[in-house]
Amino acid sequence: MVGKRDIVTGRSSRLQQCINLIPKSWRLRLNPRRYAIETFVEQSARKIKPNACVLDAGAGPCPYKSFFAHCTYQATDFTDPYRLMDFTCDLSSIPQKTGSYDVVLSTEVLEHVPDPLAVLKETHRILKKGGTLYLTTPQSWMMHQKPHNYFYFTYFGLKHLLQETGFKKFTIKPMGGYFWNLADTIRFNSLRHQYRKQSVLYVILTILEYPFTNILLPFLFFHLDWIDKERDWTMGWVVEATK
């Protein structure tokens, strides 16, 4: 006999398999946050000269390593569960010489460190003169990686931190506006995960929720984001800062 848990898992996995058949450029439109970050990192990587020294700081599973195939790529994080790091460290104390890197990449990391200013100052230190920091960070999202989820950032907060760090030239751009934020919130509403997987409510929420919250509504909201001109409701920010 097939249990309720198997029914849910089977439905989800089959749906995901179908989604994976969609071309990546369209599949990413179901996840505006991932679309914004990956597009930013890929476009930034294209600006980097061949053989440049790049440090992915807070790299986790190194999802963007392939974008830097033309560079000398290194990865670091405070832990190495994936066994992918070149070295591990606290990002406020990176064991590298001053001016070691042409580029530092930091994606969705700053909200997880207890002292963002110290981390940015350390990033500034290890960059060569004229080197670039490519940074993404959220303005709003659910609590995650508990308890290491300390801050979210506004435009003015990031501007203040970058100025205090010593970056003289930088741009801070929003990751979309109200509708991308709405799509992102709906995708990760986590309602069903608050219930036991064997419960009837979990099964009902999964069947009713997934097609709408992970496919139909995100795709619709992705293409409505042009309506929001001010973008005060942005998901977060992408930053390019030069030393």
C-alpha atoms as a PDB file:
ATOM      1  CA  MET A   1       0.000   0.000   0.000  1.00  0.00           C
ATOM      2  CA  VAL A   2       1.308   3.456  -0.908  1.00  0.00           C
ATOM      3  CA  GLY A   3       1.330   5.850   2.059  1.00  0.00           C
ATOM      4  CA  LYS A   4       0.395   9.526   2.014  1.00  0.00           C
ATOM      5  CA  ARG A   5       4.054  10.504   2.319  1.00  0.00           C
ATOM      6  CA  ASP A   6       4.873   8.494  -0.809  1.00  0.00           C
ATOM      7  CA  ILE A   7       2.035  10.157  -2.699  1.00  0.00           C
ATOM      8  CA  VAL A   8       3.325  13.617  -1.803  1.00  0.00           C
ATOM      9  CA  THR A   9       6.937  12.777  -2.586  1.00  0.00           C
ATOM     10  CA  GLY A  10       5.945  11.177  -5.855  1.00  0.00           C
ATOM     11  CA  ARG A  11       3.880  14.163  -6.949  1.00  0.00           C
ATOM     12  CA  SER A  12       6.602  16.652  -6.028  1.00  0.00           C
ATOM     13  CA  SER A  13       9.388  14.721  -7.705  1.00  0.00           C
ATOM     14  CA  ARG A  14       7.395  14.221 -10.902  1.00  0.00           C
ATOM     15  CA  LEU A  15       6.536  17.909 -11.006  1.00  0.00           C
ATOM     16  CA  GLN A  16      10.183  18.815 -10.481  1.00  0.00           C
ATOM     17  CA  GLN A  17      11.247  16.452 -13.249  1.00  0.00           C
ATOM     18  CA  CYS A  18       8.800  18.168 -15.597  1.00  0.00           C
ATOM     19  CA  ILE A  19      10.045  21.603 -14.550  1.00  0.00           C
ATOM     20  CA  ASN A  20      13.641  20.521 -15.212  1.00  0.00           C
ATOM     21  CA  LEU A  21      12.682  19.869 -18.847  1.00  0.00           C
ATOM     22  CA  ILE A  22      12.000  23.597 -19.276  1.00  0.00           C
ATOM     23  CA  PRO A  23      15.005  25.527 -20.681  1.00  0.00           C
ATOM     24  CA  LYS A  24      17.036  27.120 -17.898  1.00  0.00           C
ATOM     25  CA  SER A  25      16.428  30.685 -19.076  1.00  0.00           C
ATOM     26  CA  TRP A  26      12.689  30.134 -18.611  1.00  0.00           C
ATOM     27  CA  ARG A  27      12.948  27.869 -15.572  1.00  0.00           C
ATOM     28  CA  LEU A  28      14.725  30.618 -13.649  1.00  0.00           C
ATOM     29  CA  ARG A  29      11.687  32.849 -14.205  1.00  0.00           C
ATOM     30  CA  LEU A  30       9.859  30.654 -11.707  1.00  0.00           C
ATOM     31  CA  ASN A  31      12.356  31.791  -9.062  1.00  0.00           C
ATOM     32  CA  PRO A  32      12.992  35.548  -9.324  1.00  0.00           C
ATOM     33  CA  ARG A  33      15.594  35.616  -6.550  1.00  0.00           C
ATOM     34  CA  ARG A  34      17.680  32.911  -8.181  1.00  0.00           C
ATOM     35  CA  TYR A  35      17.187  34.591 -11.566  1.00  0.00           C
ATOM     36  CA  ALA A  36      18.421  37.941 -10.231  1.00  0.00           C
ATOM     37  CA  ILE A  37      21.454  36.514  -8.444  1.00  0.00           C
ATOM     38  CA  GLU A  38      22.542  34.105 -11.157  1.00  0.00           C
ATOM     39  CA  THR A  39      22.114  36.709 -13.911  1.00  0.00           C
ATOM     40  CA  PHE A  40      24.154  39.216 -11.913  1.00  0.00           C
ATOM     41  CA  VAL A  41      26.971  36.751 -11.182  1.00  0.00           C
ATOM     42  CA  GLU A  42      27.126  35.465 -14.758  1.00  0.00           C
ATOM     43  CA  GLN A  43      27.216  38.969 -16.229  1.00  0.00           C
ATOM     44  CA  SER A  44      29.816  40.062 -13.671  1.00  0.00           C
ATOM     45  CA  ALA A  45      32.017  37.062 -14.455  1.00  0.00           C
ATOM     46  CA  ARG A  46      32.076  38.062 -18.120  1.00  0.00           C
ATOM     47  CA  LYS A  47      33.673  41.393 -17.154  1.00  0.00           C
ATOM     48  CA  ILE A  48      36.610  39.697 -15.444  1.00  0.00           C
ATOM     49  CA  LYS A  49      39.865  39.326 -17.337  1.00  0.00           C
ATOM     50  CA  PRO A  50      41.274  35.816 -17.961  1.00  0.00           C
ATOM     51  CA  ASN A  51      43.451  34.414 -15.168  1.00  0.00           C
ATOM     52  CA  ALA A  52      42.207  36.982 -12.638  1.00  0.00           C
ATOM     53  CA  CYS A  53      42.347  35.787  -9.012  1.00  0.00           C
ATOM     54  CA  VAL A  54      38.799  35.354  -7.672  1.00  0.00           C
ATOM     55  CA  LEU A  55      37.735  34.490  -4.121  1.00  0.00           C
ATOM     56  CA  ASP A  56      34.208  33.193  -3.589  1.00  0.00           C
ATOM     57  CA  ALA A  57      33.697  34.212   0.047  1.00  0.00           C
ATOM     58  CA  GLY A  58      30.963  32.216   1.747  1.00  0.00           C
ATOM     59  CA  ALA A  59      30.818  29.874  -1.231  1.00  0.00           C
ATOM     60  CA  GLY A  60      28.778  27.006   0.234  1.00  0.00           C
ATOM     61  CA  PRO A  61      28.330  24.434  -2.570  1.00  0.00           C
ATOM     62  CA  CYS A  62      30.080  26.720  -5.120  1.00  0.00           C
ATOM     63  CA  PRO A  63      27.061  27.043  -7.442  1.00  0.00           C
ATOM     64  CA  TYR A  64      28.729  29.705  -9.600  1.00  0.00           C
ATOM     65  CA  LYS A  65      32.177  28.184 -10.017  1.00  0.00           C
ATOM     66  CA  SER A  66      31.567  27.340 -13.672  1.00  0.00           C
ATOM     67  CA  PHE A  67      31.132  31.048 -14.491  1.00  0.00           C
ATOM     68  CA  PHE A  68      34.769  31.612 -13.493  1.00  0.00           C
ATOM     69  CA  ALA A  69      36.393  28.870 -15.559  1.00  0.00           C
ATOM     70  CA  HIS A  70      38.588  31.526 -17.207  1.00  0.00           C
ATOM     71  CA  CYS A  71      39.869  32.716 -13.810  1.00  0.00           C
ATOM     72  CA  THR A  72      41.939  31.394 -10.922  1.00  0.00           C
ATOM     73  CA  TYR A  73      39.026  30.560  -8.644  1.00  0.00           C
ATOM     74  CA  GLN A  74      39.226  29.911  -4.903  1.00  0.00           C
ATOM     75  CA  ALA A  75      36.413  29.247  -2.452  1.00  0.00           C
ATOM     76  CA  THR A  76      36.162  29.756   1.285  1.00  0.00           C
ATOM     77  CA  ASP A  77      33.533  29.452   4.001  1.00  0.00           C
ATOM     78  CA  PHE A  78      33.494  28.978   7.761  1.00  0.00           C
ATOM     79  CA  THR A  79      32.813  25.269   7.255  1.00  0.00           C
ATOM     80  CA  ASP A  80      33.271  22.766   4.416  1.00  0.00           C
ATOM     81  CA  PRO A  81      30.508  20.123   4.416  1.00  0.00           C
ATOM     82  CA  TYR A  82      30.756  19.769   0.625  1.00  0.00           C
ATOM     83  CA  ARG A  83      34.558  19.407   0.682  1.00  0.00           C
ATOM     84  CA  LEU A  84      34.898  22.081  -1.977  1.00  0.00           C
ATOM     85  CA  MET A  85      36.730  24.830  -0.112  1.00  0.00           C
ATOM     86  CA  ASP A  86      40.322  25.806  -0.763  1.00  0.00           C
ATOM     87  CA  PHE A  87      40.457  26.896   2.877  1.00  0.00           C
ATOM     88  CA  THR A  88      38.015  27.629   5.701  1.00  0.00           C
ATOM     89  CA  CYS A  89      37.923  30.735   7.857  1.00  0.00           C
ATOM     90  CA  ASP A  90      35.871  33.377   9.615  1.00  0.00           C
ATOM     91  CA  LEU A  91      35.170  35.962   6.910  1.00  0.00           C
ATOM     92  CA  SER A  92      36.139  38.754   9.271  1.00  0.00           C
ATOM     93  CA  SER A  93      39.650  37.272   9.417  1.00  0.00           C
ATOM     94  CA  ILE A  94      40.682  35.822   6.049  1.00  0.00           C
ATOM     95  CA  PRO A  95      44.148  34.194   6.128  1.00  0.00           C
ATOM     96  CA  GLN A  96      45.394  35.825   2.922  1.00  0.00           C
ATOM     97  CA  LYS A  97      47.823  38.684   2.290  1.00  0.00           C
ATOM     98  CA  THR A  98      46.618  42.217   1.665  1.00  0.00           C
ATOM     99  CA  GLY A  99      45.900  42.746  -2.029  1.00  0.00           C
ATOM    100  CA  SER A 100      45.705  39.050  -2.907  1.00  0.00           C
ATOM    101  CA  TYR A 101      42.644  39.071  -5.170  1.00  0.00           C
ATOM    102  CA  ASP A 102      41.372  40.854  -8.249  1.00  0.00           C
ATOM    103  CA  VAL A 103      37.767  39.958  -7.414  1.00  0.00           C
ATOM    104  CA  VAL A 104      35.790  38.891  -4.363  1.00  0.00           C
ATOM    105  CA  LEU A 105      32.354  37.337  -4.864  1.00  0.00           C
ATOM    106  CA  SER A 106      29.882  37.261  -1.960  1.00  0.00           C
ATOM    107  CA  THR A 107      26.338  36.047  -2.628  1.00  0.00           C
ATOM    108  CA  GLU A 108      23.681  36.032   0.117  1.00  0.00           C
ATOM    109  CA  VAL A 109      26.315  35.898   2.860  1.00  0.00           C
ATOM    110  CA  LEU A 110      26.309  39.293   4.577  1.00  0.00           C
ATOM    111  CA  GLU A 111      23.031  38.638   6.417  1.00  0.00           C
ATOM    112  CA  HIS A 112      24.628  35.600   8.100  1.00  0.00           C
ATOM    113  CA  VAL A 113      27.620  37.293   9.727  1.00  0.00           C
ATOM    114  CA  PRO A 114      27.350  39.009  13.133  1.00  0.00           C
ATOM    115  CA  ASP A 115      29.595  41.921  12.080  1.00  0.00           C
ATOM    116  CA  PRO A 116      28.965  42.880   8.419  1.00  0.00           C
ATOM    117  CA  LEU A 117      31.258  45.918   8.592  1.00  0.00           C
ATOM    118  CA  ALA A 118      34.195  43.791   9.758  1.00  0.00           C
ATOM    119  CA  VAL A 119      33.605  41.350   6.890  1.00  0.00           C
ATOM    120  CA  LEU A 120      33.441  44.136   4.309  1.00  0.00           C
ATOM    121  CA  LYS A 121      36.633  45.698   5.682  1.00  0.00           C
ATOM    122  CA  GLU A 122      38.386  42.357   5.401  1.00  0.00           C
ATOM    123  CA  THR A 123      37.090  41.989   1.854  1.00  0.00           C
ATOM    124  CA  HIS A 124      38.448  45.443   1.045  1.00  0.00           C
ATOM    125  CA  ARG A 125      41.835  44.520   2.551  1.00  0.00           C
ATOM    126  CA  ILE A 126      42.381  41.389   0.455  1.00  0.00           C
ATOM    127  CA  LEU A 127      41.398  43.104  -2.805  1.00  0.00           C
ATOM    128  CA  LYS A 128      44.099  44.525  -5.035  1.00  0.00           C
ATOM    129  CA  LYS A 129      43.943  48.227  -5.804  1.00  0.00           C
ATOM    130  CA  GLY A 130      41.324  48.545  -8.521  1.00  0.00           C
ATOM    131  CA  GLY A 131      39.873  45.170  -7.521  1.00  0.00           C
ATOM    132  CA  THR A 132      36.138  44.569  -7.446  1.00  0.00           C
ATOM    133  CA  LEU A 133      33.637  43.208  -4.940  1.00  0.00           C
ATOM    134  CA  TYR A 134      30.522  41.616  -6.421  1.00  0.00           C
ATOM    135  CA  LEU A 135      27.938  41.293  -3.649  1.00  0.00           C
ATOM    136  CA  THR A 136      24.310  40.234  -3.326  1.00  0.00           C
ATOM    137  CA  THR A 137      22.286  40.509  -0.147  1.00  0.00           C
ATOM    138  CA  PRO A 138      18.578  40.453   0.744  1.00  0.00           C
ATOM    139  CA  GLN A 139      16.400  43.291   1.925  1.00  0.00           C
ATOM    140  CA  SER A 140      13.615  40.890   2.856  1.00  0.00           C
ATOM    141  CA  TRP A 141      13.269  37.132   3.151  1.00  0.00           C
ATOM    142  CA  MET A 142      12.166  34.503   5.615  1.00  0.00           C
ATOM    143  CA  MET A 143      14.394  33.558   8.526  1.00  0.00           C
ATOM    144  CA  HIS A 144      16.806  30.862   7.340  1.00  0.00           C
ATOM    145  CA  GLN A 145      19.977  29.068   8.407  1.00  0.00           C
ATOM    146  CA  LYS A 146      18.876  29.660  11.983  1.00  0.00           C
ATOM    147  CA  PRO A 147      20.288  30.923  14.285  1.00  0.00           C
ATOM    148  CA  HIS A 148      22.838  32.538  11.940  1.00  0.00           C
ATOM    149  CA  ASN A 149      20.453  35.016  10.317  1.00  0.00           C
ATOM    150  CA  TYR A 150      21.327  38.417  11.739  1.00  0.00           C
ATOM    151  CA  PHE A 151      20.526  41.250   9.316  1.00  0.00           C
ATOM    152  CA  TYR A 152      18.705  42.367   6.187  1.00  0.00           C
ATOM    153  CA  PHE A 153      19.809  45.497   4.355  1.00  0.00           C
ATOM    154  CA  THR A 154      18.269  48.608   2.833  1.00  0.00           C
ATOM    155  CA  TYR A 155      19.938  50.644   0.098  1.00  0.00           C
ATOM    156  CA  PHE A 156      21.014  53.253   2.639  1.00  0.00           C
ATOM    157  CA  GLY A 157      22.401  50.673   5.037  1.00  0.00           C
ATOM    158  CA  LEU A 158      24.563  49.163   2.308  1.00  0.00           C
ATOM    159  CA  LYS A 159      25.700  52.588   1.135  1.00  0.00           C
ATOM    160  CA  HIS A 160      26.765  53.460   4.676  1.00  0.00           C
ATOM    161  CA  LEU A 161      28.662  50.184   5.110  1.00  0.00           C
ATOM    162  CA  LEU A 162      30.477  50.511   1.786  1.00  0.00           C
ATOM    163  CA  GLN A 163      31.503  54.082   2.554  1.00  0.00           C
ATOM    164  CA  GLU A 164      32.695  53.108   6.039  1.00  0.00           C
ATOM    165  CA  THR A 165      34.657  50.249   4.499  1.00  0.00           C
ATOM    166  CA  GLY A 166      36.555  52.557   2.155  1.00  0.00           C
ATOM    167  CA  PHE A 167      35.012  51.742  -1.224  1.00  0.00           C
ATOM    168  CA  LYS A 168      34.966  54.991  -3.176  1.00  0.00           C
ATOM    169  CA  LYS A 169      33.124  53.783  -6.270  1.00  0.00           C
ATOM    170  CA  PHE A 170      30.128  51.486  -6.139  1.00  0.00           C
ATOM    171  CA  THR A 171      26.681  50.796  -7.570  1.00  0.00           C
ATOM    172  CA  ILE A 172      23.745  49.315  -5.638  1.00  0.00           C
ATOM    173  CA  LYS A 173      20.863  48.017  -7.754  1.00  0.00           C
ATOM    174  CA  PRO A 174      17.573  46.384  -6.686  1.00  0.00           C
ATOM    175  CA  MET A 175      16.699  42.746  -7.342  1.00  0.00           C
ATOM    176  CA  GLY A 176      13.383  43.545  -8.968  1.00  0.00           C
ATOM    177  CA  GLY A 177      10.406  45.207  -7.356  1.00  0.00           C
ATOM    178  CA  TYR A 178       7.098  44.439  -5.666  1.00  0.00           C
ATOM    179  CA  PHE A 179       5.980  41.583  -7.918  1.00  0.00           C
ATOM    180  CA  TRP A 180       9.287  39.719  -7.815  1.00  0.00           C
ATOM    181  CA  ASN A 181       9.210  40.085  -4.044  1.00  0.00           C
ATOM    182  CA  LEU A 182       5.645  38.774  -3.975  1.00  0.00           C
ATOM    183  CA  ALA A 183       6.558  35.798  -6.147  1.00  0.00           C
ATOM    184  CA  ASP A 184       9.536  35.046  -3.914  1.00  0.00           C
ATOM    185  CA  THR A 185       7.404  35.219  -0.771  1.00  0.00           C
ATOM    186  CA  ILE A 186       4.761  32.922  -2.236  1.00  0.00           C
ATOM    187  CA  ARG A 187       7.379  30.388  -3.369  1.00  0.00           C
ATOM    188  CA  PHE A 188       8.805  30.089   0.124  1.00  0.00           C
ATOM    189  CA  ASN A 189       5.686  30.448   2.260  1.00  0.00           C
ATOM    190  CA  SER A 190       6.597  27.211   4.128  1.00  0.00           C
ATOM    191  CA  LEU A 191       3.042  26.631   5.345  1.00  0.00           C
ATOM    192  CA  ARG A 192       2.964  22.929   4.579  1.00  0.00           C
ATOM    193  CA  HIS A 193       6.355  22.381   6.197  1.00  0.00           C
ATOM    194  CA  GLN A 194       4.851  23.358   9.546  1.00  0.00           C
ATOM    195  CA  TYR A 195       2.853  20.115   9.556  1.00  0.00           C
ATOM    196  CA  ARG A 196       3.829  16.481   9.759  1.00  0.00           C
ATOM    197  CA  LYS A 197       4.318  14.934   6.327  1.00  0.00           C
ATOM    198  CA  GLN A 198       1.929  12.133   7.237  1.00  0.00           C
ATOM    199  CA  SER A 199      -0.890  14.558   8.081  1.00  0.00           C
ATOM    200  CA  VAL A 200      -3.903  15.104   5.830  1.00  0.00           C
ATOM    201  CA  LEU A 201      -3.382  18.886   5.907  1.00  0.00           C
ATOM    202  CA  TYR A 202       0.191  18.508   4.638  1.00  0.00           C
ATOM    203  CA  VAL A 203      -1.025  16.418   1.706  1.00  0.00           C
ATOM    204  CA  ILE A 204      -3.840  18.864   0.868  1.00  0.00           C
ATOM    205  CA  LEU A 205      -1.550  21.898   1.063  1.00  0.00           C
ATOM    206  CA  THR A 206       1.025  20.191  -1.142  1.00  0.00           C
ATOM    207  CA  ILE A 207      -1.497  19.225  -3.818  1.00  0.00           C
ATOM    208  CA  LEU A 208      -3.173  22.638  -3.858  1.00  0.00           C
ATOM    209  CA  GLU A 209      -0.108  24.741  -3.179  1.00  0.00           C
ATOM    210  CA  TYR A 210       2.724  23.549  -5.385  1.00  0.00           C
ATOM    211  CA  PRO A 211       1.316  24.239  -8.884  1.00  0.00           C
ATOM    212  CA  PHE A 212       0.187  27.724  -7.877  1.00  0.00           C
ATOM    213  CA  THR A 213       2.955  28.891  -5.524  1.00  0.00           C
ATOM    214  CA  ASN A 214       5.899  27.389  -7.392  1.00  0.00           C
ATOM    215  CA  ILE A 215       4.817  27.617 -11.024  1.00  0.00           C
ATOM    216  CA  LEU A 216       1.778  29.648 -12.075  1.00  0.00           C
ATOM    217  CA  LEU A 217       1.865  32.666  -9.755  1.00  0.00           C
ATOM    218  CA  PRO A 218       5.673  33.146  -9.767  1.00  0.00           C
ATOM    219  CA  PHE A 219       5.715  33.040 -13.560  1.00  0.00           C
ATOM    220  CA  LEU A 220       2.885  35.568 -13.743  1.00  0.00           C
ATOM    221  CA  PHE A 221       4.410  37.927 -11.165  1.00  0.00           C
ATOM    222  CA  PHE A 222       7.817  37.686 -12.810  1.00  0.00           C
ATOM    223  CA  HIS A 223       6.370  39.289 -15.928  1.00  0.00           C
ATOM    224  CA  LEU A 224       4.370  41.942 -14.033  1.00  0.00           C
ATOM    225  CA  ASP A 225       7.343  43.436 -12.214  1.00  0.00           C
ATOM    226  CA  TRP A 226       7.757  46.236 -14.769  1.00  0.00           C
ATOM    227  CA  ILE A 227       4.686  47.885 -13.203  1.00  0.00           C
ATOM    228  CA  ASP A 228       6.682  48.812 -10.084  1.00  0.00           C
ATOM    229  CA  LYS A 229       8.919  51.777 -10.926  1.00  0.00           C
ATOM    230  CA  GLU A 230      10.161  52.735  -7.443  1.00  0.00           C
ATOM    231  CA  ARG A 231      11.172  49.208  -6.337  1.00  0.00           C
ATOM    232  CA  ASP A 232      11.101  50.001  -2.633  1.00  0.00           C
ATOM    233  CA  TRP A 233       9.708  46.480  -2.148  1.00  0.00           C
ATOM    234  CA  THR A 234      12.753  44.833  -3.714  1.00  0.00           C
ATOM    235  CA  MET A 235      13.881  41.372  -2.601  1.00  0.00           C
ATOM    236  CA  GLY A 236      17.431  42.621  -2.156  1.00  0.00           C
ATOM    237  CA  TRP A 237      20.405  44.244  -3.813  1.00  0.00           C
ATOM    238  CA  VAL A 238      23.265  43.522  -6.190  1.00  0.00           C
ATOM    239  CA  VAL A 239      26.428  45.518  -5.576  1.00  0.00           C
ATOM    240  CA  GLU A 240      29.537  46.219  -7.622  1.00  0.00           C
ATOM    241  CA  ALA A 241      32.201  48.043  -5.586  1.00  0.00           C
ATOM    242  CA  THR A 242      35.721  48.957  -6.670  1.00  0.00           C
ATOM    243  CA  LYS A 243      38.692  49.465  -4.335  1.00  0.00           C
END
